[in-house]
C-alpha atoms as a PDB file:
ATOM      1  CA  MET A   1     118.405 133.233  74.849  1.00  0.00           C
ATOM      2  CA  LYS A   2     121.199 134.854  76.884  1.00  0.00           C
ATOM      3  CA  ILE A   3     122.556 133.473  80.129  1.00  0.00           C
ATOM      4  CA  ASN A   4     120.998 136.333  82.120  1.00  0.00           C
ATOM      5  CA  GLU A   5     117.560 135.315  80.881  1.00  0.00           C
ATOM      6  CA  VAL A   6     118.220 131.672  81.747  1.00  0.00           C
ATOM      7  CA  GLU A   7     119.396 132.683  85.217  1.00  0.00           C
ATOM      8  CA  ALA A   8     116.140 134.601  85.780  1.00  0.00           C
ATOM      9  CA  GLN A   9     113.924 131.804  84.452  1.00  0.00           C
ATOM     10  CA  VAL A  10     115.487 128.863  86.278  1.00  0.00           C
ATOM     11  CA  GLY A  11     116.845 130.543  89.402  1.00  0.00           C
ATOM     12  CA  ILE A  12     120.394 129.224  88.978  1.00  0.00           C
ATOM     13  CA  THR A  13     123.356 131.582  89.040  1.00  0.00           C
ATOM     14  CA  LYS A  14     125.467 132.179  85.949  1.00  0.00           C
ATOM     15  CA  LYS A  15     128.420 130.677  87.790  1.00  0.00           C
ATOM     16  CA  ASN A  16     126.511 127.469  88.355  1.00  0.00           C
ATOM     17  CA  ILE A  17     125.256 127.328  84.787  1.00  0.00           C
ATOM     18  CA  ARG A  18     128.837 127.568  83.522  1.00  0.00           C
ATOM     19  CA  PHE A  19     129.905 124.975  86.083  1.00  0.00           C
ATOM     20  CA  TYR A  20     127.334 122.503  84.765  1.00  0.00           C
ATOM     21  CA  GLU A  21     128.573 123.215  81.244  1.00  0.00           C
ATOM     22  CA  GLU A  22     132.153 122.499  82.312  1.00  0.00           C
ATOM     23  CA  LYS A  23     130.986 119.205  83.814  1.00  0.00           C
ATOM     24  CA  GLY A  24     129.298 118.231  80.544  1.00  0.00           C
ATOM     25  CA  LEU A  25     125.739 118.328  81.879  1.00  0.00           C
ATOM     26  CA  LEU A  26     124.717 121.154  79.552  1.00  0.00           C
ATOM     27  CA  SER A  27     125.827 121.905  75.988  1.00  0.00           C
ATOM     28  CA  PRO A  28     124.292 125.123  74.627  1.00  0.00           C
ATOM     29  CA  ARG A  29     125.074 125.983  71.045  1.00  0.00           C
ATOM     30  CA  ARG A  30     127.285 128.926  70.156  1.00  0.00           C
ATOM     31  CA  ASN A  31     126.088 131.887  68.119  1.00  0.00           C
ATOM     32  CA  SER A  32     128.027 131.716  64.858  1.00  0.00           C
ATOM     33  CA  GLU A  33     128.199 135.502  64.595  1.00  0.00           C
ATOM     34  CA  ASN A  34     129.592 136.460  67.995  1.00  0.00           C
ATOM     35  CA  GLY A  35     130.552 133.126  69.591  1.00  0.00           C
ATOM     36  CA  TYR A  36     128.302 133.709  72.601  1.00  0.00           C
ATOM     37  CA  ARG A  37     126.292 130.888  74.135  1.00  0.00           C
ATOM     38  CA  ASP A  38     122.751 130.764  72.796  1.00  0.00           C
ATOM     39  CA  TYR A  39     120.402 128.882  75.133  1.00  0.00           C
ATOM     40  CA  ASN A  40     117.101 127.425  74.007  1.00  0.00           C
ATOM     41  CA  GLU A  41     114.064 125.983  75.795  1.00  0.00           C
ATOM     42  CA  ALA A  42     115.647 122.524  75.836  1.00  0.00           C
ATOM     43  CA  ASP A  43     118.620 123.936  77.764  1.00  0.00           C
ATOM     44  CA  VAL A  44     116.247 125.637  80.202  1.00  0.00           C
ATOM     45  CA  ASP A  45     114.358 122.371  80.753  1.00  0.00           C
ATOM     46  CA  ALA A  46     117.659 120.523  81.246  1.00  0.00           C
ATOM     47  CA  LEU A  47     118.722 123.055  83.870  1.00  0.00           C
ATOM     48  CA  ARG A  48     115.402 122.695  85.686  1.00  0.00           C
ATOM     49  CA  ARG A  49     115.938 118.947  85.833  1.00  0.00           C
ATOM     50  CA  ILE A  50     119.498 119.455  87.097  1.00  0.00           C
ATOM     51  CA  LYS A  51     118.217 121.913  89.717  1.00  0.00           C
ATOM     52  CA  LEU A  52     115.591 119.415  90.880  1.00  0.00           C
ATOM     53  CA  LEU A  53     118.075 116.558  91.183  1.00  0.00           C
ATOM     54  CA  ARG A  54     120.709 118.691  92.900  1.00  0.00           C
ATOM     55  CA  LYS A  55     118.141 119.913  95.445  1.00  0.00           C
ATOM     56  CA  LEU A  56     117.565 116.225  96.217  1.00  0.00           C
ATOM     57  CA  GLY A  57     121.329 115.779  96.658  1.00  0.00           C
ATOM     58  CA  VAL A  58     121.838 113.634  93.567  1.00  0.00           C
ATOM     59  CA  PRO A  59     125.558 113.560  92.600  1.00  0.00           C
ATOM     60  CA  LEU A  60     126.661 115.065  89.300  1.00  0.00           C
ATOM     61  CA  GLU A  61     127.888 111.691  88.056  1.00  0.00           C
ATOM     62  CA  GLU A  62     124.441 110.173  88.676  1.00  0.00           C
ATOM     63  CA  ILE A  63     122.816 112.986  86.707  1.00  0.00           C
ATOM     64  CA  ARG A  64     125.272 112.313  83.894  1.00  0.00           C
ATOM     65  CA  ARG A  65     124.216 108.653  83.881  1.00  0.00           C
ATOM     66  CA  MET A  66     120.573 109.620  83.581  1.00  0.00           C
ATOM     67  CA  GLN A  67     121.330 112.019  80.743  1.00  0.00           C
ATOM     68  CA  ALA A  68     123.224 109.232  78.971  1.00  0.00           C
ATOM     69  CA  GLY A  69     120.102 107.060  78.897  1.00  0.00           C
ATOM     70  CA  GLY A  70     119.761 105.680  82.409  1.00  0.00           C
ATOM     71  CA  THR A  71     116.278 105.847  83.881  1.00  0.00           C
ATOM     72  CA  VAL A  72     115.269 108.121  86.724  1.00  0.00           C
ATOM     73  CA  ALA A  73     114.158 105.033  88.665  1.00  0.00           C
ATOM     74  CA  ASP A  74     117.611 103.435  88.478  1.00  0.00           C
ATOM     75  CA  GLY A  75     119.259 106.697  89.507  1.00  0.00           C
ATOM     76  CA  MET A  76     116.900 107.134  92.436  1.00  0.00           C
ATOM     77  CA  ARG A  77     117.467 103.566  93.624  1.00  0.00           C
ATOM     78  CA  ARG A  78     121.205 104.194  93.796  1.00  0.00           C
ATOM     79  CA  HIS A  79     120.698 107.596  95.406  1.00  0.00           C
ATOM     80  CA  LEU A  80     118.290 106.178  97.981  1.00  0.00           C
ATOM     81  CA  ILE A  81     120.956 103.705  99.078  1.00  0.00           C
ATOM     82  CA  THR A  82     123.297 106.651  99.713  1.00  0.00           C
ATOM     83  CA  LEU A  83     120.615 108.653 101.525  1.00  0.00           C
ATOM     84  CA  GLU A  84     119.643 105.706 103.703  1.00  0.00           C
ATOM     85  CA  ARG A  85     123.294 105.148 104.636  1.00  0.00           C
ATOM     86  CA  GLU A  86     123.649 108.837 105.486  1.00  0.00           C
ATOM     87  CA  GLN A  87     120.442 108.633 107.510  1.00  0.00           C
ATOM     88  CA  ARG A  88     121.833 105.742 109.544  1.00  0.00           C
ATOM     89  CA  ASP A  89     125.052 107.667 110.125  1.00  0.00           C
ATOM     90  CA  LEU A  90     123.098 110.745 111.190  1.00  0.00           C
ATOM     91  CA  GLU A  91     120.927 108.698 113.544  1.00  0.00           C
ATOM     92  CA  GLN A  92     124.087 107.256 115.093  1.00  0.00           C
ATOM     93  CA  SER A  93     125.435 110.780 115.650  1.00  0.00           C
ATOM     94  CA  ILE A  94     122.102 111.876 117.121  1.00  0.00           C
ATOM     95  CA  GLN A  95     122.144 108.926 119.507  1.00  0.00           C
ATOM     96  CA  LEU A  96     125.661 109.774 120.734  1.00  0.00           C
ATOM     97  CA  CYS A  97     124.750 113.453 121.122  1.00  0.00           C
ATOM     98  CA  ARG A  98     121.698 112.493 123.188  1.00  0.00           C
ATOM     99  CA  GLN A  99     123.835 110.289 125.414  1.00  0.00           C
ATOM    100  CA  LEU A 100     126.233 113.180 125.993  1.00  0.00           C
ATOM    101  CA  LYS A 101     123.318 115.535 126.670  1.00  0.00           C
ATOM    102  CA  ASP A 102     121.966 113.218 129.358  1.00  0.00           C
ATOM    103  CA  ARG A 103     125.289 113.194 131.209  1.00  0.00           C
ATOM    104  CA  GLU A 104     124.981 116.839 132.282  1.00  0.00           C
ATOM    105  CA  GLU A 105     128.761 117.183 132.828  1.00  0.00           C
ATOM    106  CA  ARG A 106     131.318 119.852 132.052  1.00  0.00           C
ATOM    107  CA  LEU A 107     133.683 119.484 129.118  1.00  0.00           C
ATOM    108  CA  GLU A 108     136.814 119.152 131.292  1.00  0.00           C
ATOM    109  CA  SER A 109     135.358 116.073 132.996  1.00  0.00           C
ATOM    110  CA  LEU A 110     134.298 114.371 129.759  1.00  0.00           C
ATOM    111  CA  ASP A 111     136.066 111.064 129.019  1.00  0.00           C
ATOM    112  CA  ALA A 112     136.737 111.855 125.366  1.00  0.00           C
ATOM    113  CA  ALA A 113     139.129 108.930 124.900  1.00  0.00           C
ATOM    114  CA  ALA A 114     136.462 106.377 125.794  1.00  0.00           C
ATOM    115  CA  ILE A 115     133.897 107.995 123.497  1.00  0.00           C
ATOM    116  CA  LEU A 116     136.372 108.224 120.609  1.00  0.00           C
ATOM    117  CA  THR A 117     137.186 104.540 121.083  1.00  0.00           C
ATOM    118  CA  GLU A 118     133.486 103.731 120.839  1.00  0.00           C
ATOM    119  CA  MET A 119     133.152 105.897 117.720  1.00  0.00           C
ATOM    120  CA  GLU A 120     136.113 104.139 116.113  1.00  0.00           C
ATOM    121  CA  ARG A 121     134.448 100.795 116.841  1.00  0.00           C
ATOM    122  CA  LEU A 122     131.265 102.016 115.163  1.00  0.00           C
ATOM    123  CA  GLU A 123     133.260 103.334 112.194  1.00  0.00           C
ATOM    124  CA  GLN A 124     134.858  99.927 111.753  1.00  0.00           C
ATOM    125  CA  SER A 125     131.311  98.550 111.550  1.00  0.00           C
ATOM    126  CA  GLY A 126     130.540 100.947 108.701  1.00  0.00           C
ATOM    127  CA  ALA A 127     129.304 104.093 110.450  1.00  0.00           C
ATOM    128  CA  THR A 128     130.492 107.519 109.313  1.00  0.00           C
ATOM    129  CA  PHE A 129     130.464 110.586 111.547  1.00  0.00           C
ATOM    130  CA  GLN A 130     130.499 114.229 110.537  1.00  0.00           C
ATOM    131  CA  ASP A 131     134.120 115.350 110.705  1.00  0.00           C
ATOM    132  CA  LYS A 132     134.623 119.113 110.620  1.00  0.00           C
ATOM    133  CA  GLN A 133     138.406 119.000 111.046  1.00  0.00           C
ATOM    134  CA  LYS A 134     139.077 119.523 107.334  1.00  0.00           C
ATOM    135  CA  GLN A 135     136.981 122.689 107.404  1.00  0.00           C
ATOM    136  CA  ASP A 136     138.897 123.863 110.479  1.00  0.00           C
ATOM    137  CA  ALA A 137     142.141 123.808 108.484  1.00  0.00           C
ATOM    138  CA  LYS A 138     140.850 125.955 105.609  1.00  0.00           C
ATOM    139  CA  PRO A 139     141.683 129.351 107.176  1.00  0.00           C
ATOM    140  CA  VAL A 140     145.239 128.165 107.842  1.00  0.00           C
ATOM    141  CA  ARG A 141     145.650 127.113 104.224  1.00  0.00           C
ATOM    142  CA  TYR A 142     144.345 130.500 103.103  1.00  0.00           C
ATOM    143  CA  VAL A 143     146.849 132.334 105.283  1.00  0.00           C
ATOM    144  CA  GLY A 144     149.786 130.171 104.182  1.00  0.00           C
ATOM    145  CA  ALA A 145     149.064 130.660 100.484  1.00  0.00           C
ATOM    146  CA  ALA A 146     148.454 134.403 100.891  1.00  0.00           C
ATOM    147  CA  VAL A 147     151.615 134.977 102.957  1.00  0.00           C
ATOM    148  CA  MET A 148     153.841 133.175 100.473  1.00  0.00           C
ATOM    149  CA  ALA A 149     152.319 135.097  97.566  1.00  0.00           C
ATOM    150  CA  PHE A 150     152.736 138.389  99.444  1.00  0.00           C
ATOM    151  CA  LEU A 151     156.380 137.758 100.320  1.00  0.00           C
ATOM    152  CA  THR A 152     157.251 136.703  96.781  1.00  0.00           C
ATOM    153  CA  THR A 153     155.463 139.728  95.325  1.00  0.00           C
ATOM    154  CA  VAL A 154     157.245 142.107  97.711  1.00  0.00           C
ATOM    155  CA  LEU A 155     160.612 140.534  96.890  1.00  0.00           C
ATOM    156  CA  MET A 156     160.078 140.818  93.129  1.00  0.00           C
ATOM    157  CA  ALA A 157     158.751 144.378  93.447  1.00  0.00           C
ATOM    158  CA  ALA A 158     161.815 145.318  95.481  1.00  0.00           C
ATOM    159  CA  LEU A 159     164.044 143.781  92.822  1.00  0.00           C
ATOM    160  CA  ILE A 160     162.316 145.824  90.109  1.00  0.00           C
ATOM    161  CA  ALA A 161     162.628 149.004  92.198  1.00  0.00           C
ATOM    162  CA  LEU A 162     166.321 148.296  92.795  1.00  0.00           C
ATOM    163  CA  MET A 163     167.016 147.806  89.078  1.00  0.00           C
ATOM    164  CA  VAL A 164     165.118 150.973  88.124  1.00  0.00           C
ATOM    165  CA  TRP A 165     166.983 152.939  90.804  1.00  0.00           C
ATOM    166  CA  GLY A 166     170.325 151.574  89.638  1.00  0.00           C
ATOM    167  CA  PHE A 167     169.628 152.411  86.000  1.00  0.00           C
ATOM    168  CA  ALA A 168     168.478 155.924  86.953  1.00  0.00           C
ATOM    169  CA  GLU A 169     171.525 156.574  89.150  1.00  0.00           C
ATOM    170  CA  ASP A 170     174.022 155.544  86.493  1.00  0.00           C
ATOM    171  CA  PRO A 171     172.417 155.841  83.044  1.00  0.00           C
ATOM    172  CA  MET A 172     175.782 155.491  81.305  1.00  0.00           C
ATOM    173  CA  SER A 173     176.280 151.946  82.570  1.00  0.00           C
ATOM    174  CA  ALA A 174     172.651 150.935  82.085  1.00  0.00           C
ATOM    175  CA  PRO A 175     172.054 148.121  79.581  1.00  0.00           C
ATOM    176  CA  PRO A 176     170.265 148.719  76.266  1.00  0.00           C
ATOM    177  CA  ILE A 177     166.576 149.548  76.570  1.00  0.00           C
ATOM    178  CA  ALA A 178     165.516 146.163  75.153  1.00  0.00           C
ATOM    179  CA  LEU A 179     167.620 144.277  77.703  1.00  0.00           C
ATOM    180  CA  MET A 180     166.424 146.608  80.463  1.00  0.00           C
ATOM    181  CA  ALA A 181     162.813 145.820  79.537  1.00  0.00           C
ATOM    182  CA  VAL A 182     163.541 142.084  79.664  1.00  0.00           C
ATOM    183  CA  LEU A 183     165.242 142.374  83.068  1.00  0.00           C
ATOM    184  CA  ILE A 184     162.242 144.234  84.482  1.00  0.00           C
ATOM    185  CA  ALA A 185     159.710 141.979  82.760  1.00  0.00           C
ATOM    186  CA  LEU A 186     161.099 138.787  84.326  1.00  0.00           C
ATOM    187  CA  PRO A 187     160.189 139.635  87.955  1.00  0.00           C
ATOM    188  CA  LEU A 188     156.886 141.048  86.700  1.00  0.00           C
ATOM    189  CA  LEU A 189     156.121 137.679  85.132  1.00  0.00           C
ATOM    190  CA  VAL A 190     157.033 136.001  88.412  1.00  0.00           C
ATOM    191  CA  ILE A 191     154.574 138.275  90.233  1.00  0.00           C
ATOM    192  CA  LEU A 192     151.814 137.484  87.739  1.00  0.00           C
ATOM    193  CA  GLY A 193     152.553 133.772  88.016  1.00  0.00           C
ATOM    194  CA  VAL A 194     152.430 133.904  91.824  1.00  0.00           C
ATOM    195  CA  LEU A 195     149.133 135.805  91.811  1.00  0.00           C
ATOM    196  CA  LEU A 196     147.664 133.322  89.342  1.00  0.00           C
ATOM    197  CA  ALA A 197     148.846 130.422  91.487  1.00  0.00           C
ATOM    198  CA  LEU A 198     147.311 132.096  94.551  1.00  0.00           C
ATOM    199  CA  TYR A 199     143.998 132.501  92.749  1.00  0.00           C
ATOM    200  CA  GLN A 200     144.010 128.858  91.665  1.00  0.00           C
ATOM    201  CA  ARG A 201     144.931 127.753  95.187  1.00  0.00           C
ATOM    202  CA  ILE A 202     142.060 129.721  96.684  1.00  0.00           C
ATOM    203  CA  GLN A 203     139.695 128.223  94.116  1.00  0.00           C
ATOM    204  CA  GLU A 204     140.990 124.784  95.017  1.00  0.00           C
ATOM    205  CA  ILE A 205     140.459 125.395  98.739  1.00  0.00           C
ATOM    206  CA  GLN A 206     137.061 126.927  98.330  1.00  0.00           C
ATOM    207  CA  LYS A 207     135.889 124.733  95.489  1.00  0.00           C
ATOM    208  CA  GLY A 208     133.578 127.631  95.051  1.00  0.00           C
ATOM    209  CA  GLU A 209     131.637 126.638  91.960  1.00  0.00           C
ATOM    210  CA  GLU A 210     131.258 123.049  93.003  1.00  0.00           C
ATOM    211  CA  ASP A 211     130.093 123.986  96.491  1.00  0.00           C
ATOM    212  CA  ASP A 212     127.611 126.451  95.021  1.00  0.00           C
ATOM    213  CA  ALA A 213     126.305 123.744  92.740  1.00  0.00           C
ATOM    214  CA  LYS A 214     125.463 121.566  95.742  1.00  0.00           C
ATOM    215  CA  ASN A 215     122.840 124.133  96.694  1.00  0.00           C
ATOM    216  CA  TYR A 216     120.782 123.354  93.600  1.00  0.00           C
END
């Protein structure tokens, strides 16, 4: 069975299927003739179980424990502890939001310092609040990585253009063709390396496959 068929049957994207394979949760056999993955019904059933557990918010490591022989009951007991802790944290946030709602005051008159002090006291007691500050910084990290990659690429492209222009203007003093190719190839390799690093940086910021997997 091909990955497209599995995607249609289970309702999990190809990207997620490959992600679960990378994480060791799925091990389809390879076709000996063409090297392609060849999924069977057992793989489909395994993916359905992964989809079920991920929709319940079960961590990948917990799923791995179950696959290694741990019982569903043991996994659910551990997961319930996490969910109950998150529920308490959410209830604490709801309570604070309700208190702020009842104040009926404008933002500029809000005593944020006093509320933050109270939140810190609750955090020291074990509470955890939703903190969106890390997400706020993502666009900045995108821009920084993209700008550096752009500047480096422009610089290397300008260097290549300058060398080509110089060789064309004075062919007699140009180096041998082999050396010329090496001189031009070096900045090209730098450009490719920078673009690859940019791609990896964006993947790191997005954590695209892992974030997608949390939806299943």
